Amino acid sequence: MASIVMSSKYQVVIPKEIREQYGFKPGDELVWLDSGRGLRLVRVKTAEELDGSLAHLDLPPFEREKDYDFGERS
C-alpha cells in the first residue's frame, strides 16, 4: 500500500506506482469522491473516452414530436 504526505499547502503527490497502475498523466482531471467508507480518487474521463460508451444500449431512435403545442405566450 502506497502512502502519501500532505504538504503545508494541502498538496499531495500521487506515488509513481499508483500513477502507472491507473494510467494517470499530467493534465488529467481527478476528483475525490466520498464513498461513505472513505475517499476515492477518480480520473474524469474525457469526451473522447466517453464517445460511443452508450452504443451498446438498445435505445429507440429519438423522434421529435412534430405537432407539439407550445401554448400561447403572454
N, C-alpha and C. Protein backbone atom coordinates (compact mmCIF):
# COMPACT_ATOMS: atom_id res chain seq x y z
N MET A 1 0.85 -1.18 0.00
CA MET A 1 0.00 0.00 0.00
C MET A 1 0.89 1.23 0.00
N ALA A 2 0.63 2.10 -0.95
CA ALA A 2 1.39 3.35 -1.05
C ALA A 2 0.76 4.39 -0.13
N SER A 3 1.60 5.19 0.48
CA SER A 3 1.09 6.26 1.34
C SER A 3 1.59 7.60 0.80
N ILE A 4 0.89 8.65 1.19
CA ILE A 4 1.25 9.99 0.77
C ILE A 4 1.30 10.89 2.00
N VAL A 5 1.96 12.02 1.85
CA VAL A 5 2.04 13.03 2.90
C VAL A 5 1.49 14.33 2.33
N MET A 6 0.61 14.96 3.07
CA MET A 6 0.06 16.24 2.63
C MET A 6 1.02 17.36 3.02
N SER A 7 1.28 18.27 2.07
CA SER A 7 2.18 19.39 2.33
C SER A 7 1.48 20.47 3.14
N SER A 8 2.23 21.47 3.54
CA SER A 8 1.65 22.59 4.28
C SER A 8 0.67 23.39 3.42
N LYS A 9 0.74 23.22 2.10
CA LYS A 9 -0.19 23.87 1.18
C LYS A 9 -1.33 22.93 0.80
N TYR A 10 -1.50 21.84 1.54
CA TYR A 10 -2.56 20.85 1.31
C TYR A 10 -2.44 20.16 -0.05
N GLN A 11 -1.22 20.01 -0.53
CA GLN A 11 -0.99 19.32 -1.79
C GLN A 11 -0.47 17.92 -1.51
N VAL A 12 -0.80 16.99 -2.42
CA VAL A 12 -0.30 15.63 -2.31
C VAL A 12 0.32 15.21 -3.64
N VAL A 13 1.24 14.27 -3.58
CA VAL A 13 1.85 13.70 -4.77
C VAL A 13 1.37 12.26 -4.86
N ILE A 14 0.85 11.90 -6.03
CA ILE A 14 0.41 10.52 -6.24
C ILE A 14 1.64 9.67 -6.50
N PRO A 15 1.84 8.64 -5.71
CA PRO A 15 3.05 7.81 -5.89
C PRO A 15 3.14 7.22 -7.30
N LYS A 16 4.37 7.04 -7.77
CA LYS A 16 4.63 6.56 -9.13
C LYS A 16 3.91 5.25 -9.43
N GLU A 17 3.95 4.30 -8.51
CA GLU A 17 3.32 3.00 -8.78
C GLU A 17 1.81 3.13 -8.97
N ILE A 18 1.19 4.08 -8.26
CA ILE A 18 -0.26 4.31 -8.41
C ILE A 18 -0.52 5.00 -9.75
N ARG A 19 0.28 6.01 -10.09
CA ARG A 19 0.13 6.70 -11.39
C ARG A 19 0.24 5.73 -12.54
N GLU A 20 1.22 4.83 -12.47
CA GLU A 20 1.42 3.86 -13.54
C GLU A 20 0.29 2.82 -13.59
N GLN A 21 -0.12 2.35 -12.42
CA GLN A 21 -1.17 1.33 -12.36
C GLN A 21 -2.49 1.83 -12.95
N TYR A 22 -2.83 3.09 -12.67
CA TYR A 22 -4.11 3.64 -13.11
C TYR A 22 -3.99 4.55 -14.33
N GLY A 23 -2.80 4.71 -14.85
CA GLY A 23 -2.61 5.48 -16.08
C GLY A 23 -2.80 6.97 -15.93
N PHE A 24 -2.57 7.52 -14.71
CA PHE A 24 -2.68 8.96 -14.52
C PHE A 24 -1.55 9.65 -15.26
N LYS A 25 -1.91 10.74 -15.98
CA LYS A 25 -0.95 11.51 -16.75
C LYS A 25 -1.05 12.98 -16.35
N PRO A 26 0.03 13.77 -16.56
CA PRO A 26 -0.04 15.20 -16.29
C PRO A 26 -1.19 15.82 -17.07
N GLY A 27 -1.96 16.67 -16.41
CA GLY A 27 -3.09 17.33 -17.05
C GLY A 27 -4.41 16.59 -16.85
N ASP A 28 -4.38 15.33 -16.35
CA ASP A 28 -5.62 14.61 -16.08
C ASP A 28 -6.41 15.33 -15.00
N GLU A 29 -7.73 15.35 -15.17
CA GLU A 29 -8.60 15.92 -14.13
C GLU A 29 -9.00 14.78 -13.19
N LEU A 30 -8.76 14.98 -11.90
CA LEU A 30 -9.08 13.97 -10.89
C LEU A 30 -10.09 14.56 -9.92
N VAL A 31 -10.98 13.73 -9.41
CA VAL A 31 -11.94 14.17 -8.41
C VAL A 31 -11.89 13.23 -7.21
N TRP A 32 -12.14 13.80 -6.04
CA TRP A 32 -12.27 13.00 -4.83
C TRP A 32 -13.75 12.70 -4.63
N LEU A 33 -14.09 11.44 -4.44
CA LEU A 33 -15.47 11.04 -4.19
C LEU A 33 -15.56 10.45 -2.80
N ASP A 34 -16.59 10.85 -2.04
CA ASP A 34 -16.84 10.27 -0.72
C ASP A 34 -17.68 9.03 -0.91
N SER A 35 -17.10 7.87 -0.67
CA SER A 35 -17.80 6.61 -0.88
C SER A 35 -18.64 6.21 0.32
N GLY A 36 -18.60 6.99 1.38
CA GLY A 36 -19.29 6.62 2.61
C GLY A 36 -18.40 5.81 3.53
N ARG A 37 -17.36 5.22 2.97
CA ARG A 37 -16.40 4.45 3.76
C ARG A 37 -15.01 5.04 3.65
N GLY A 38 -14.90 6.14 2.95
CA GLY A 38 -13.61 6.78 2.74
C GLY A 38 -13.63 7.57 1.45
N LEU A 39 -12.48 8.11 1.08
CA LEU A 39 -12.37 8.90 -0.14
C LEU A 39 -11.83 8.04 -1.26
N ARG A 40 -12.32 8.30 -2.47
CA ARG A 40 -11.83 7.63 -3.67
C ARG A 40 -11.34 8.70 -4.63
N LEU A 41 -10.20 8.47 -5.22
CA LEU A 41 -9.64 9.38 -6.22
C LEU A 41 -9.97 8.78 -7.59
N VAL A 42 -10.68 9.55 -8.42
CA VAL A 42 -11.15 9.05 -9.70
C VAL A 42 -10.75 10.01 -10.81
N ARG A 43 -10.24 9.45 -11.91
CA ARG A 43 -9.90 10.27 -13.07
C ARG A 43 -11.16 10.52 -13.87
N VAL A 44 -11.40 11.79 -14.22
CA VAL A 44 -12.56 12.17 -15.03
C VAL A 44 -12.26 11.78 -16.47
N LYS A 45 -13.17 11.06 -17.09
CA LYS A 45 -12.97 10.65 -18.48
C LYS A 45 -13.21 11.83 -19.42
N THR A 46 -12.45 11.85 -20.49
CA THR A 46 -12.59 12.90 -21.50
C THR A 46 -13.78 12.58 -22.40
N ALA A 47 -14.22 13.56 -23.17
CA ALA A 47 -15.32 13.35 -24.11
C ALA A 47 -14.94 12.27 -25.13
N GLU A 48 -13.69 12.24 -25.54
CA GLU A 48 -13.25 11.23 -26.50
C GLU A 48 -13.36 9.83 -25.90
N GLU A 49 -13.04 9.68 -24.62
CA GLU A 49 -13.13 8.38 -23.96
C GLU A 49 -14.59 7.95 -23.79
N LEU A 50 -15.48 8.92 -23.63
CA LEU A 50 -16.89 8.61 -23.45
C LEU A 50 -17.61 8.37 -24.77
N ASP A 51 -17.02 8.83 -25.87
CA ASP A 51 -17.65 8.69 -27.18
C ASP A 51 -17.95 7.23 -27.48
N GLY A 52 -19.21 6.95 -27.74
CA GLY A 52 -19.62 5.58 -28.06
C GLY A 52 -19.86 4.70 -26.86
N SER A 53 -19.71 5.25 -25.65
CA SER A 53 -19.84 4.41 -24.45
C SER A 53 -21.27 3.95 -24.22
N LEU A 54 -22.25 4.59 -24.86
CA LEU A 54 -23.65 4.15 -24.71
C LEU A 54 -24.12 3.37 -25.93
N ALA A 55 -23.21 3.10 -26.85
CA ALA A 55 -23.59 2.43 -28.10
C ALA A 55 -24.14 1.04 -27.86
N HIS A 56 -23.74 0.39 -26.78
CA HIS A 56 -24.20 -0.98 -26.52
C HIS A 56 -25.65 -1.03 -26.03
N LEU A 57 -26.20 0.14 -25.63
CA LEU A 57 -27.58 0.17 -25.16
C LEU A 57 -28.53 0.12 -26.36
N ASP A 58 -29.59 -0.62 -26.23
CA ASP A 58 -30.56 -0.73 -27.32
C ASP A 58 -31.66 0.29 -27.09
N LEU A 59 -31.37 1.55 -27.43
CA LEU A 59 -32.32 2.64 -27.22
C LEU A 59 -33.10 2.91 -28.49
N PRO A 60 -34.38 3.26 -28.35
CA PRO A 60 -35.14 3.61 -29.55
C PRO A 60 -34.61 4.92 -30.12
N PRO A 61 -34.72 5.12 -31.43
CA PRO A 61 -34.23 6.37 -32.02
C PRO A 61 -35.03 7.56 -31.51
N PHE A 62 -34.37 8.69 -31.37
CA PHE A 62 -35.03 9.90 -30.91
C PHE A 62 -35.90 10.45 -32.03
N GLU A 63 -37.13 10.77 -31.69
CA GLU A 63 -38.02 11.37 -32.68
C GLU A 63 -38.63 12.63 -32.07
N ARG A 64 -38.50 13.72 -32.78
CA ARG A 64 -39.07 14.98 -32.33
C ARG A 64 -40.57 14.93 -32.59
N GLU A 65 -41.33 15.40 -31.61
CA GLU A 65 -42.77 15.44 -31.78
C GLU A 65 -43.09 16.57 -32.75
N LYS A 66 -43.75 16.25 -33.83
CA LYS A 66 -43.93 17.20 -34.93
C LYS A 66 -44.94 18.30 -34.65
N ASP A 67 -46.02 17.98 -33.98
CA ASP A 67 -47.09 18.96 -33.79
C ASP A 67 -47.25 19.35 -32.33
N TYR A 68 -46.15 19.58 -31.66
CA TYR A 68 -46.22 19.93 -30.26
C TYR A 68 -46.73 21.35 -30.11
N ASP A 69 -47.71 21.56 -29.23
CA ASP A 69 -48.29 22.88 -28.99
C ASP A 69 -47.56 23.53 -27.82
N PHE A 70 -46.82 24.58 -28.11
CA PHE A 70 -46.07 25.27 -27.05
C PHE A 70 -46.94 26.22 -26.26
N GLY A 71 -48.18 26.40 -26.65
CA GLY A 71 -49.08 27.29 -25.91
C GLY A 71 -48.90 28.74 -26.29
N GLU A 72 -49.78 29.55 -25.76
CA GLU A 72 -49.75 30.98 -26.04
C GLU A 72 -48.71 31.65 -25.16
N ARG A 73 -48.04 32.62 -25.70
CA ARG A 73 -47.09 33.41 -24.92
C ARG A 73 -47.75 34.72 -24.55
N SER A 74 -47.48 35.18 -23.35
CA SER A 74 -48.09 36.45 -22.91
C SER A 74 -47.26 37.62 -23.36
